[in-house]
PDB file of N, CA and C in Angstrom:
ATOM      1  N   MET A   1       0.922  -1.163   0.088  1.00  0.00           N
ATOM      2  CA  MET A   1      -0.096  -0.055  -0.097  1.00  0.00           C
ATOM      3  C   MET A   1       0.842   1.253   0.089  1.00  0.00           C
ATOM      4  N   PRO A   2       0.679   2.156  -0.827  1.00  0.00           N
ATOM      5  CA  PRO A   2       1.475   3.429  -0.892  1.00  0.00           C
ATOM      6  C   PRO A   2       1.271   4.330   0.276  1.00  0.00           C
ATOM      7  N   ASP A   3       2.242   5.318   0.711  1.00  0.00           N
ATOM      8  CA  ASP A   3       2.309   6.003   1.722  1.00  0.00           C
ATOM      9  C   ASP A   3       0.949   6.918   1.442  1.00  0.00           C
ATOM     10  N   LYS A   4       0.560   7.632   2.561  1.00  0.00           N
ATOM     11  CA  LYS A   4      -0.475   8.509   2.429  1.00  0.00           C
ATOM     12  C   LYS A   4       0.088   9.890   1.959  1.00  0.00           C
ATOM     13  N   GLU A   5      -1.018  10.537   1.245  1.00  0.00           N
ATOM     14  CA  GLU A   5      -0.541  11.823   0.758  1.00  0.00           C
ATOM     15  C   GLU A   5      -1.209  12.980   1.654  1.00  0.00           C
ATOM     16  N   TYR A   6      -0.575  13.910   2.304  1.00  0.00           N
ATOM     17  CA  TYR A   6      -1.116  14.682   3.135  1.00  0.00           C
ATOM     18  C   TYR A   6      -1.107  16.138   2.605  1.00  0.00           C
ATOM     19  N   ASP A   7      -0.764  16.373   1.356  1.00  0.00           N
ATOM     20  CA  ASP A   7      -0.921  17.728   0.668  1.00  0.00           C
ATOM     21  C   ASP A   7      -2.157  18.054   0.020  1.00  0.00           C
ATOM     22  N   TYR A   8      -3.184  17.132   0.224  1.00  0.00           N
ATOM     23  CA  TYR A   8      -4.596  17.753  -0.454  1.00  0.00           C
ATOM     24  C   TYR A   8      -5.741  16.895   0.352  1.00  0.00           C
ATOM     25  N   CYS A   9      -6.552  17.861   0.459  1.00  0.00           N
ATOM     26  CA  CYS A   9      -7.846  17.255   1.084  1.00  0.00           C
ATOM     27  C   CYS A   9      -9.059  18.048   0.525  1.00  0.00           C
ATOM     28  N   LYS A  10     -10.038  17.309   0.124  1.00  0.00           N
ATOM     29  CA  LYS A  10     -11.343  17.977  -0.471  1.00  0.00           C
ATOM     30  C   LYS A  10     -12.509  17.794   0.596  1.00  0.00           C
ATOM     31  N   ILE A  11     -13.108  18.814   0.993  1.00  0.00           N
ATOM     32  CA  ILE A  11     -14.221  18.675   2.006  1.00  0.00           C
ATOM     33  C   ILE A  11     -15.619  19.241   1.247  1.00  0.00           C
ATOM     34  N   TYR A  12     -16.437  18.350   1.395  1.00  0.00           N
ATOM     35  CA  TYR A  12     -17.991  18.578   0.879  1.00  0.00           C
ATOM     36  C   TYR A  12     -18.645  19.400   1.811  1.00  0.00           C
ATOM     37  N   VAL A  13     -19.416  20.253   1.503  1.00  0.00           N
ATOM     38  CA  VAL A  13     -20.055  21.113   2.444  1.00  0.00           C
ATOM     39  C   VAL A  13     -21.542  21.460   1.859  1.00  0.00           C
ATOM     40  N   ASP A  14     -22.385  21.530   2.990  1.00  0.00           N
ATOM     41  CA  ASP A  14     -23.754  21.782   2.600  1.00  0.00           C
ATOM     42  C   ASP A  14     -24.405  22.637   3.919  1.00  0.00           C
ATOM     43  N   GLY A  15     -25.380  23.507   3.416  1.00  0.00           N
ATOM     44  CA  GLY A  15     -25.980  24.264   4.525  1.00  0.00           C
ATOM     45  C   GLY A  15     -25.330  25.932   4.382  1.00  0.00           C
ATOM     46  N   ILE A  16     -24.802  26.160   3.569  1.00  0.00           N
ATOM     47  CA  ILE A  16     -24.108  27.756   3.501  1.00  0.00           C
ATOM     48  C   ILE A  16     -23.996  28.079   2.247  1.00  0.00           C
ATOM     49  N   SER A  17     -24.085  29.517   1.841  1.00  0.00           N
ATOM     50  CA  SER A  17     -23.816  29.955   0.634  1.00  0.00           C
ATOM     51  C   SER A  17     -22.371  29.852   0.141  1.00  0.00           C
ATOM     52  N   LEU A  18     -21.840  30.239  -0.815  1.00  0.00           N
ATOM     53  CA  LEU A  18     -20.390  30.379  -1.478  1.00  0.00           C
ATOM     54  C   LEU A  18     -19.780  31.406  -0.589  1.00  0.00           C
ATOM     55  N   GLU A  19     -20.563  32.892  -0.766  1.00  0.00           N
ATOM     56  CA  GLU A  19     -19.860  33.878  -0.052  1.00  0.00           C
ATOM     57  C   GLU A  19     -19.731  33.781   1.193  1.00  0.00           C
ATOM     58  N   ASP A  20     -20.874  33.050   2.016  1.00  0.00           N
ATOM     59  CA  ASP A  20     -20.736  32.985   3.512  1.00  0.00           C
ATOM     60  C   ASP A  20     -19.515  31.911   3.921  1.00  0.00           C
ATOM     61  N   LEU A  21     -19.455  30.775   3.028  1.00  0.00           N
ATOM     62  CA  LEU A  21     -18.486  29.945   3.441  1.00  0.00           C
ATOM     63  C   LEU A  21     -17.263  30.597   3.140  1.00  0.00           C
ATOM     64  N   GLN A  22     -16.797  31.351   2.194  1.00  0.00           N
ATOM     65  CA  GLN A  22     -15.539  32.120   1.952  1.00  0.00           C
ATOM     66  C   GLN A  22     -15.354  33.044   3.074  1.00  0.00           C
ATOM     67  N   SER A  23     -16.252  33.886   3.638  1.00  0.00           N
ATOM     68  CA  SER A  23     -16.161  34.835   4.865  1.00  0.00           C
ATOM     69  C   SER A  23     -15.894  33.899   6.143  1.00  0.00           C
ATOM     70  N   PHE A  24     -16.380  32.793   6.324  1.00  0.00           N
ATOM     71  CA  PHE A  24     -16.262  32.083   7.475  1.00  0.00           C
ATOM     72  C   PHE A  24     -14.744  31.259   7.546  1.00  0.00           C
ATOM     73  N   MET A  25     -14.156  30.983   6.261  1.00  0.00           N
ATOM     74  CA  MET A  25     -13.143  30.457   6.279  1.00  0.00           C
ATOM     75  C   MET A  25     -11.994  31.675   6.533  1.00  0.00           C
ATOM     76  N   ALA A  26     -12.228  32.796   5.900  1.00  0.00           N
ATOM     77  CA  ALA A  26     -11.211  34.113   6.195  1.00  0.00           C
ATOM     78  C   ALA A  26     -11.424  34.535   7.557  1.00  0.00           C
ATOM     79  N   ASP A  27     -12.421  34.392   8.223  1.00  0.00           N
ATOM     80  CA  ASP A  27     -12.576  34.839   9.803  1.00  0.00           C
ATOM     81  C   ASP A  27     -11.749  33.768  10.478  1.00  0.00           C
ATOM     82  N   MET A  28     -11.869  32.399  10.067  1.00  0.00           N
ATOM     83  CA  MET A  28     -11.344  31.403  10.933  1.00  0.00           C
ATOM     84  C   MET A  28      -9.970  31.394  10.823  1.00  0.00           C
ATOM     85  N   PHE A  29      -9.248  31.841   9.526  1.00  0.00           N
ATOM     86  CA  PHE A  29      -7.706  31.623   9.413  1.00  0.00           C
ATOM     87  C   PHE A  29      -7.327  33.094   9.581  1.00  0.00           C
ATOM     88  N   GLY A  30      -7.906  34.182   9.427  1.00  0.00           N
ATOM     89  CA  GLY A  30      -7.415  35.432   9.419  1.00  0.00           C
ATOM     90  C   GLY A  30      -6.758  35.806   8.196  1.00  0.00           C
ATOM     91  N   GLY A  31      -7.426  35.385   7.233  1.00  0.00           N
ATOM     92  CA  GLY A  31      -6.818  35.703   5.950  1.00  0.00           C
ATOM     93  C   GLY A  31      -8.008  36.386   4.920  1.00  0.00           C
ATOM     94  N   ARG A  32      -7.646  36.488   3.606  1.00  0.00           N
ATOM     95  CA  ARG A  32      -8.601  37.028   2.630  1.00  0.00           C
ATOM     96  C   ARG A  32      -8.353  36.319   1.414  1.00  0.00           C
ATOM     97  N   PHE A  33      -9.707  36.071   0.720  1.00  0.00           N
ATOM     98  CA  PHE A  33      -9.612  35.302  -0.530  1.00  0.00           C
ATOM     99  C   PHE A  33      -9.244  36.334  -1.673  1.00  0.00           C
ATOM    100  N   GLU A  34      -8.570  35.753  -2.765  1.00  0.00           N
ATOM    101  CA  GLU A  34      -8.292  36.101  -4.064  1.00  0.00           C
ATOM    102  C   GLU A  34      -9.037  35.488  -5.000  1.00  0.00           C
ATOM    103  N   VAL A  35     -10.258  36.027  -5.423  1.00  0.00           N
ATOM    104  CA  VAL A  35     -11.188  35.320  -6.238  1.00  0.00           C
ATOM    105  C   VAL A  35     -11.714  34.108  -5.146  1.00  0.00           C
ATOM    106  N   ARG A  36     -11.249  32.904  -5.483  1.00  0.00           N
ATOM    107  CA  ARG A  36     -11.694  31.574  -4.639  1.00  0.00           C
ATOM    108  C   ARG A  36     -10.631  31.138  -3.766  1.00  0.00           C
ATOM    109  N   THR A  37      -9.640  31.670  -3.745  1.00  0.00           N
ATOM    110  CA  THR A  37      -8.354  30.973  -3.165  1.00  0.00           C
ATOM    111  C   THR A  37      -7.764  32.121  -1.952  1.00  0.00           C
ATOM    112  N   MET A  38      -7.517  31.310  -0.827  1.00  0.00           N
ATOM    113  CA  MET A  38      -6.812  32.180   0.376  1.00  0.00           C
ATOM    114  C   MET A  38      -5.569  31.398   0.276  1.00  0.00           C
ATOM    115  N   TYR A  39      -4.595  32.190   0.449  1.00  0.00           N
ATOM    116  CA  TYR A  39      -3.073  31.779   0.396  1.00  0.00           C
ATOM    117  C   TYR A  39      -2.669  31.945   1.986  1.00  0.00           C
ATOM    118  N   LEU A  40      -2.101  30.966   2.571  1.00  0.00           N
ATOM    119  CA  LEU A  40      -1.740  31.161   3.910  1.00  0.00           C
ATOM    120  C   LEU A  40      -0.270  30.586   3.995  1.00  0.00           C
ATOM    121  N   ASP A  41       0.353  30.466   5.266  1.00  0.00           N
ATOM    122  CA  ASP A  41       1.695  29.829   5.217  1.00  0.00           C
ATOM    123  C   ASP A  41       1.909  28.542   5.201  1.00  0.00           C
ATOM    124  N   GLY A  42       2.094  28.017   3.952  1.00  0.00           N
ATOM    125  CA  GLY A  42       2.460  26.745   3.580  1.00  0.00           C
ATOM    126  C   GLY A  42       1.350  26.026   2.999  1.00  0.00           C
ATOM    127  N   TYR A  43       0.431  26.637   2.794  1.00  0.00           N
ATOM    128  CA  TYR A  43      -0.996  25.885   2.139  1.00  0.00           C
ATOM    129  C   TYR A  43      -1.917  26.969   1.613  1.00  0.00           C
ATOM    130  N   SER A  44      -2.791  26.542   0.911  1.00  0.00           N
ATOM    131  CA  SER A  44      -3.841  27.398   0.168  1.00  0.00           C
ATOM    132  C   SER A  44      -5.227  26.781   0.775  1.00  0.00           C
ATOM    133  N   ILE A  45      -6.354  27.486   0.691  1.00  0.00           N
ATOM    134  CA  ILE A  45      -7.668  26.950   0.984  1.00  0.00           C
ATOM    135  C   ILE A  45      -8.476  27.599  -0.032  1.00  0.00           C
ATOM    136  N   ASP A  46      -9.155  26.773  -0.961  1.00  0.00           N
ATOM    137  CA  ASP A  46      -9.981  27.038  -2.148  1.00  0.00           C
ATOM    138  C   ASP A  46     -11.283  26.949  -1.581  1.00  0.00           C
ATOM    139  N   VAL A  47     -12.482  27.978  -1.985  1.00  0.00           N
ATOM    140  CA  VAL A  47     -13.794  27.360  -1.674  1.00  0.00           C
ATOM    141  C   VAL A  47     -14.395  27.714  -2.926  1.00  0.00           C
ATOM    142  N   ARG A  48     -15.172  26.764  -3.540  1.00  0.00           N
ATOM    143  CA  ARG A  48     -15.822  26.841  -4.831  1.00  0.00           C
ATOM    144  C   ARG A  48     -17.090  25.867  -4.830  1.00  0.00           C
ATOM    145  N   ASN A  49     -17.767  25.986  -5.986  1.00  0.00           N
ATOM    146  CA  ASN A  49     -18.886  25.368  -6.273  1.00  0.00           C
ATOM    147  C   ASN A  49     -18.483  23.897  -6.581  1.00  0.00           C
ATOM    148  N   ASN A  50     -19.253  22.862  -6.274  1.00  0.00           N
ATOM    149  CA  ASN A  50     -18.955  21.570  -6.773  1.00  0.00           C
ATOM    150  C   ASN A  50     -19.197  21.229  -7.949  1.00  0.00           C
ATOM    151  N   PRO A  51     -18.406  20.709  -8.815  1.00  0.00           N
ATOM    152  CA  PRO A  51     -18.726  20.753 -10.118  1.00  0.00           C
ATOM    153  C   PRO A  51     -19.638  19.327 -10.477  1.00  0.00           C
ATOM    154  N   SER A  52     -19.610  18.313  -9.235  1.00  0.00           N
ATOM    155  CA  SER A  52     -20.203  17.021  -9.371  1.00  0.00           C
ATOM    156  C   SER A  52     -21.833  17.173  -9.250  1.00  0.00           C
ATOM    157  N   VAL A  53     -22.265  18.449  -8.908  1.00  0.00           N
ATOM    158  CA  VAL A  53     -23.676  18.528  -8.672  1.00  0.00           C
ATOM    159  C   VAL A  53     -24.442  18.660  -9.913  1.00  0.00           C
ATOM    160  N   VAL A  54     -25.260  17.669 -10.292  1.00  0.00           N
ATOM    161  CA  VAL A  54     -25.773  17.585 -11.547  1.00  0.00           C
ATOM    162  C   VAL A  54     -27.370  17.751 -11.503  1.00  0.00           C
ATOM    163  N   GLY A  55     -27.868  17.994 -10.304  1.00  0.00           N
ATOM    164  CA  GLY A  55     -29.442  17.994 -10.267  1.00  0.00           C
ATOM    165  C   GLY A  55     -29.701  17.755  -8.814  1.00  0.00           C
ATOM    166  N   GLU A  56     -31.237  17.252  -8.579  1.00  0.00           N
ATOM    167  CA  GLU A  56     -31.743  17.214  -7.512  1.00  0.00           C
ATOM    168  C   GLU A  56     -31.498  15.720  -7.002  1.00  0.00           C
ATOM    169  N   GLY A  57     -30.931  14.832  -7.594  1.00  0.00           N
ATOM    170  CA  GLY A  57     -30.687  13.701  -7.080  1.00  0.00           C
ATOM    171  C   GLY A  57     -30.084  13.353  -5.693  1.00  0.00           C
ATOM    172  N   ASP A  58     -30.142  12.264  -5.117  1.00  0.00           N
ATOM    173  CA  ASP A  58     -29.630  11.942  -3.893  1.00  0.00           C
ATOM    174  C   ASP A  58     -28.155  11.297  -4.131  1.00  0.00           C
ATOM    175  N   GLY A  59     -27.148  12.009  -4.410  1.00  0.00           N
ATOM    176  CA  GLY A  59     -26.015  11.155  -4.762  1.00  0.00           C
ATOM    177  C   GLY A  59     -25.113  11.240  -3.506  1.00  0.00           C
ATOM    178  N   GLY A  60     -25.714  11.650  -2.419  1.00  0.00           N
ATOM    179  CA  GLY A  60     -25.062  11.698  -1.172  1.00  0.00           C
ATOM    180  C   GLY A  60     -24.042  12.943  -0.925  1.00  0.00           C
ATOM    181  N   PHE A  61     -23.291  12.942  -0.080  1.00  0.00           N
ATOM    182  CA  PHE A  61     -22.413  14.017   0.218  1.00  0.00           C
ATOM    183  C   PHE A  61     -21.583  14.585  -0.966  1.00  0.00           C
ATOM    184  N   VAL A  62     -21.138  13.631  -2.086  1.00  0.00           N
ATOM    185  CA  VAL A  62     -20.357  13.999  -3.021  1.00  0.00           C
ATOM    186  C   VAL A  62     -21.200  14.914  -4.094  1.00  0.00           C
ATOM    187  N   GLU A  63     -22.332  15.136  -3.746  1.00  0.00           N
ATOM    188  CA  GLU A  63     -23.123  16.128  -4.610  1.00  0.00           C
ATOM    189  C   GLU A  63     -23.765  17.302  -3.643  1.00  0.00           C
ATOM    190  N   TRP A  64     -22.942  17.489  -2.503  1.00  0.00           N
ATOM    191  CA  TRP A  64     -23.479  18.614  -1.852  1.00  0.00           C
ATOM    192  C   TRP A  64     -22.751  19.763  -2.599  1.00  0.00           C
ATOM    193  N   PRO A  65     -23.284  21.041  -2.451  1.00  0.00           N
ATOM    194  CA  PRO A  65     -23.074  22.115  -3.291  1.00  0.00           C
ATOM    195  C   PRO A  65     -21.834  22.883  -3.412  1.00  0.00           C
ATOM    196  N   LEU A  66     -20.988  22.565  -2.209  1.00  0.00           N
ATOM    197  CA  LEU A  66     -19.639  23.381  -2.153  1.00  0.00           C
ATOM    198  C   LEU A  66     -18.545  22.407  -1.683  1.00  0.00           C
ATOM    199  N   LEU A  67     -17.337  22.999  -2.066  1.00  0.00           N
ATOM    200  CA  LEU A  67     -15.928  22.396  -1.588  1.00  0.00           C
ATOM    201  C   LEU A  67     -15.129  23.371  -0.873  1.00  0.00           C
ATOM    202  N   VAL A  68     -14.627  22.856   0.086  1.00  0.00           N
ATOM    203  CA  VAL A  68     -13.380  23.494   0.510  1.00  0.00           C
ATOM    204  C   VAL A  68     -12.104  22.538   0.336  1.00  0.00           C
ATOM    205  N   GLU A  69     -11.068  23.047  -0.271  1.00  0.00           N
ATOM    206  CA  GLU A  69     -10.008  22.365  -0.810  1.00  0.00           C
ATOM    207  C   GLU A  69      -8.636  22.729  -0.139  1.00  0.00           C
ATOM    208  N   PHE A  70      -8.137  21.949   0.650  1.00  0.00           N
ATOM    209  CA  PHE A  70      -6.892  22.208   1.364  1.00  0.00           C
ATOM    210  C   PHE A  70      -5.744  21.800   0.440  1.00  0.00           C
ATOM    211  N   ASP A  71      -4.644  22.749   0.213  1.00  0.00           N
ATOM    212  CA  ASP A  71      -3.721  22.282  -0.836  1.00  0.00           C
ATOM    213  C   ASP A  71      -2.482  22.706  -0.256  1.00  0.00           C
ATOM    214  N   ALA A  72      -1.449  21.742   0.439  1.00  0.00           N
ATOM    215  CA  ALA A  72      -0.270  22.257   0.985  1.00  0.00           C
ATOM    216  C   ALA A  72       0.814  22.283  -0.112  1.00  0.00           C
ATOM    217  N   ASP A  73       1.784  23.065   0.087  1.00  0.00           N
ATOM    218  CA  ASP A  73       2.769  23.416  -0.861  1.00  0.00           C
ATOM    219  C   ASP A  73       4.092  22.501  -0.569  1.00  0.00           C
ATOM    220  N   GLY A  74       3.961  21.643   0.162  1.00  0.00           N
ATOM    221  CA  GLY A  74       5.150  20.689   0.635  1.00  0.00           C
ATOM    222  C   GLY A  74       5.845  21.260   1.946  1.00  0.00           C
ATOM    223  N   GLY A  75       5.562  22.450   2.249  1.00  0.00           N
ATOM    224  CA  GLY A  75       6.236  22.867   3.455  1.00  0.00           C
ATOM    225  C   GLY A  75       5.418  22.796   4.827  1.00  0.00           C
ATOM    226  N   VAL A  76       4.379  21.992   4.615  1.00  0.00           N
ATOM    227  CA  VAL A  76       3.525  21.611   5.631  1.00  0.00           C
ATOM    228  C   VAL A  76       3.845  20.261   6.250  1.00  0.00           C
ATOM    229  N   SER A  77       4.134  20.220   7.658  1.00  0.00           N
ATOM    230  CA  SER A  77       4.187  18.676   8.026  1.00  0.00           C
ATOM    231  C   SER A  77       2.690  18.104   8.054  1.00  0.00           C
ATOM    232  N   ASP A  78       2.862  16.511   8.008  1.00  0.00           N
ATOM    233  CA  ASP A  78       1.773  15.862   8.025  1.00  0.00           C
ATOM    234  C   ASP A  78       0.817  16.062   9.226  1.00  0.00           C
ATOM    235  N   GLU A  79       1.246  16.302  10.211  1.00  0.00           N
ATOM    236  CA  GLU A  79       0.630  16.746  11.567  1.00  0.00           C
ATOM    237  C   GLU A  79      -0.113  18.094  11.239  1.00  0.00           C
ATOM    238  N   ALA A  80       0.604  18.891  10.741  1.00  0.00           N
ATOM    239  CA  ALA A  80      -0.171  20.206  10.491  1.00  0.00           C
ATOM    240  C   ALA A  80      -1.300  20.277   9.625  1.00  0.00           C
ATOM    241  N   ALA A  81      -1.011  19.244   8.557  1.00  0.00           N
ATOM    242  CA  ALA A  81      -2.124  19.125   7.417  1.00  0.00           C
ATOM    243  C   ALA A  81      -3.299  18.722   8.222  1.00  0.00           C
ATOM    244  N   VAL A  82      -3.303  17.646   8.969  1.00  0.00           N
ATOM    245  CA  VAL A  82      -4.294  16.900   9.746  1.00  0.00           C
ATOM    246  C   VAL A  82      -4.999  17.945  10.825  1.00  0.00           C
ATOM    247  N   ARG A  83      -4.196  18.619  11.401  1.00  0.00           N
ATOM    248  CA  ARG A  83      -4.680  19.831  12.350  1.00  0.00           C
ATOM    249  C   ARG A  83      -5.489  20.791  11.640  1.00  0.00           C
ATOM    250  N   THR A  84      -5.093  21.162  10.557  1.00  0.00           N
ATOM    251  CA  THR A  84      -5.704  22.373   9.749  1.00  0.00           C
ATOM    252  C   THR A  84      -7.147  21.769   9.374  1.00  0.00           C
ATOM    253  N   VAL A  85      -7.201  20.630   8.659  1.00  0.00           N
ATOM    254  CA  VAL A  85      -8.286  20.238   8.191  1.00  0.00           C
ATOM    255  C   VAL A  85      -9.257  19.725   9.100  1.00  0.00           C
ATOM    256  N   ALA A  86      -8.739  19.186  10.309  1.00  0.00           N
ATOM    257  CA  ALA A  86      -9.671  19.114  11.455  1.00  0.00           C
ATOM    258  C   ALA A  86     -10.128  20.279  12.170  1.00  0.00           C
ATOM    259  N   ARG A  87      -9.407  21.480  11.977  1.00  0.00           N
ATOM    260  CA  ARG A  87      -9.933  22.779  12.429  1.00  0.00           C
ATOM    261  C   ARG A  87     -10.953  23.208  11.465  1.00  0.00           C
ATOM    262  N   ILE A  88     -10.974  23.038  10.153  1.00  0.00           N
ATOM    263  CA  ILE A  88     -12.001  23.387   9.356  1.00  0.00           C
ATOM    264  C   ILE A  88     -13.072  22.535   9.578  1.00  0.00           C
ATOM    265  N   LEU A  89     -13.206  21.215   9.766  1.00  0.00           N
ATOM    266  CA  LEU A  89     -14.245  20.412   9.952  1.00  0.00           C
ATOM    267  C   LEU A  89     -15.054  20.701  11.300  1.00  0.00           C
ATOM    268  N   ASN A  90     -14.240  20.794  12.361  1.00  0.00           N
ATOM    269  CA  ASN A  90     -14.927  21.010  13.376  1.00  0.00           C
ATOM    270  C   ASN A  90     -15.554  22.390  13.569  1.00  0.00           C
ATOM    271  N   GLY A  91     -14.873  23.378  12.955  1.00  0.00           N
ATOM    272  CA  GLY A  91     -15.634  24.728  12.853  1.00  0.00           C
ATOM    273  C   GLY A  91     -16.878  24.735  11.966  1.00  0.00           C
ATOM    274  N   LEU A  92     -17.025  24.020  10.937  1.00  0.00           N
ATOM    275  CA  LEU A  92     -18.218  23.666  10.321  1.00  0.00           C
ATOM    276  C   LEU A  92     -19.167  23.090  10.995  1.00  0.00           C
ATOM    277  N   TRP A  93     -18.845  21.889  11.535  1.00  0.00           N
ATOM    278  CA  TRP A  93     -19.806  21.159  12.345  1.00  0.00           C
ATOM    279  C   TRP A  93     -20.347  21.982  13.802  1.00  0.00           C
ATOM    280  N   GLU A  94     -19.469  22.831  14.351  1.00  0.00           N
ATOM    281  CA  GLU A  94     -19.781  23.825  15.406  1.00  0.00           C
ATOM    282  C   GLU A  94     -20.795  24.679  15.033  1.00  0.00           C
ATOM    283  N   ASN A  95     -20.885  25.210  13.832  1.00  0.00           N
ATOM    284  CA  ASN A  95     -21.897  26.075  13.267  1.00  0.00           C
ATOM    285  C   ASN A  95     -23.122  25.456  12.239  1.00  0.00           C
ATOM    286  N   GLY A  96     -23.289  24.021  12.841  1.00  0.00           N
ATOM    287  CA  GLY A  96     -24.509  23.473  12.294  1.00  0.00           C
ATOM    288  C   GLY A  96     -24.467  23.046  10.813  1.00  0.00           C
ATOM    289  N   LEU A  97     -23.163  22.972  10.076  1.00  0.00           N
ATOM    290  CA  LEU A  97     -23.158  22.806   8.757  1.00  0.00           C
ATOM    291  C   LEU A  97     -22.789  21.306   8.675  1.00  0.00           C
ATOM    292  N   GLN A  98     -23.048  20.901   7.470  1.00  0.00           N
ATOM    293  CA  GLN A  98     -22.562  19.393   7.057  1.00  0.00           C
ATOM    294  C   GLN A  98     -21.469  19.530   6.317  1.00  0.00           C
ATOM    295  N   ALA A  99     -20.353  18.568   6.794  1.00  0.00           N
ATOM    296  CA  ALA A  99     -19.099  18.623   6.026  1.00  0.00           C
ATOM    297  C   ALA A  99     -18.466  17.169   6.261  1.00  0.00           C
ATOM    298  N   VAL A 100     -18.098  16.695   5.003  1.00  0.00           N
ATOM    299  CA  VAL A 100     -17.244  15.342   5.077  1.00  0.00           C
ATOM    300  C   VAL A 100     -16.089  15.519   4.086  1.00  0.00           C
ATOM    301  N   ALA A 101     -14.949  15.084   4.680  1.00  0.00           N
ATOM    302  CA  ALA A 101     -13.790  15.195   4.028  1.00  0.00           C
ATOM    303  C   ALA A 101     -13.396  13.835   3.238  1.00  0.00           C
ATOM    304  N   SER A 102     -12.665  14.081   2.284  1.00  0.00           N
ATOM    305  CA  SER A 102     -12.250  13.127   1.215  1.00  0.00           C
ATOM    306  C   SER A 102     -10.762  13.263   1.041  1.00  0.00           C
ATOM    307  N   CYS A 103      -9.890  12.418   1.656  1.00  0.00           N
ATOM    308  CA  CYS A 103      -8.524  12.364   1.412  1.00  0.00           C
ATOM    309  C   CYS A 103      -7.912  11.146   1.885  1.00  0.00           C
ATOM    310  N   ASP A 104      -6.655  11.062   1.726  1.00  0.00           N
ATOM    311  CA  ASP A 104      -5.839   9.780   1.976  1.00  0.00           C
ATOM    312  C   ASP A 104      -5.800   9.689   3.673  1.00  0.00           C
ATOM    313  N   PHE A 105      -5.829  11.013   4.396  1.00  0.00           N
ATOM    314  CA  PHE A 105      -5.758  10.737   5.853  1.00  0.00           C
ATOM    315  C   PHE A 105      -7.027  11.007   6.629  1.00  0.00           C
ATOM    316  N   GLU A 106      -8.291  10.632   5.738  1.00  0.00           N
ATOM    317  CA  GLU A 106      -9.451  11.068   6.617  1.00  0.00           C
ATOM    318  C   GLU A 106      -9.791  10.248   7.939  1.00  0.00           C
ATOM    319  N   ASP A 107      -9.062   8.966   7.842  1.00  0.00           N
ATOM    320  CA  ASP A 107      -9.096   8.162   9.083  1.00  0.00           C
ATOM    321  C   ASP A 107      -8.501   8.674  10.379  1.00  0.00           C
ATOM    322  N   GLU A 108      -7.633   9.940  10.200  1.00  0.00           N
ATOM    323  CA  GLU A 108      -6.904  10.603  11.192  1.00  0.00           C
ATOM    324  C   GLU A 108      -7.884  11.767  11.702  1.00  0.00           C
ATOM    325  N   LEU A 109      -8.882  12.004  10.871  1.00  0.00           N
ATOM    326  CA  LEU A 109      -9.641  13.404  11.306  1.00  0.00           C
ATOM    327  C   LEU A 109     -10.726  12.685  12.313  1.00  0.00           C
ATOM    328  N   PRO A 110     -11.281  13.931  12.958  1.00  0.00           N
ATOM    329  CA  PRO A 110     -12.711  13.657  13.726  1.00  0.00           C
ATOM    330  C   PRO A 110     -13.662  13.014  13.004  1.00  0.00           C
ATOM    331  N   TRP A 111     -14.369  12.005  13.622  1.00  0.00           N
ATOM    332  CA  TRP A 111     -15.425  11.312  12.799  1.00  0.00           C
ATOM    333  C   TRP A 111     -15.220  10.757  11.603  1.00  0.00           C
ATOM    334  N   SER A 112     -13.863  10.378  11.429  1.00  0.00           N
ATOM    335  CA  SER A 112     -13.402   9.685  10.122  1.00  0.00           C
ATOM    336  C   SER A 112     -13.599  10.644   9.042  1.00  0.00           C
ATOM    337  N   GLY A 113     -13.441  12.142   9.226  1.00  0.00           N
ATOM    338  CA  GLY A 113     -13.564  12.984   8.278  1.00  0.00           C
ATOM    339  C   GLY A 113     -14.932  13.356   8.041  1.00  0.00           C
ATOM    340  N   GLY A 114     -15.964  12.888   8.997  1.00  0.00           N
ATOM    341  CA  GLY A 114     -17.163  13.340   8.955  1.00  0.00           C
ATOM    342  C   GLY A 114     -18.137  12.269   8.529  1.00  0.00           C
ATOM    343  N   ILE A 115     -17.636  11.115   7.826  1.00  0.00           N
ATOM    344  CA  ILE A 115     -18.357  10.041   7.244  1.00  0.00           C
ATOM    345  C   ILE A 115     -19.342   9.440   8.429  1.00  0.00           C
ATOM    346  N   ALA A 116     -18.510   9.194   9.620  1.00  0.00           N
ATOM    347  CA  ALA A 116     -19.045   8.710  10.672  1.00  0.00           C
ATOM    348  C   ALA A 116     -20.290   9.531  11.233  1.00  0.00           C
ATOM    349  N   ARG A 117     -20.366  10.842  10.760  1.00  0.00           N
ATOM    350  CA  ARG A 117     -21.585  11.437  11.429  1.00  0.00           C
ATOM    351  C   ARG A 117     -22.834  11.548  10.603  1.00  0.00           C
ATOM    352  N   LEU A 118     -22.806  10.912   9.459  1.00  0.00           N
ATOM    353  CA  LEU A 118     -23.895  10.647   8.586  1.00  0.00           C
ATOM    354  C   LEU A 118     -24.984   9.878   9.016  1.00  0.00           C
TER     355      LEU A 118
END
């Protein structure tokens, strides 16, 4: 089995608008977005519409309307990546939003990345 990759994680989100999610992320990290990306020390966070949404079908969380994407530039430790994604997830859940992470390290995240909350 190949080693885990800690440089990327996609989080599916439901229950908030794109603009409000960007504001929420900016407040959480003390940054600001340039179009859809917030650049931070060693990583970036993108907030965008989910291109997998095709209609009103029940495709599960993969069809939730928004995505938060964590993308490390290689200067972030594996532990810092897990902490950052866990911080995002916990913040979303604490504010009553639905969120599920999809990444190599989701088993190291609270609630297995959120899938155990569904």
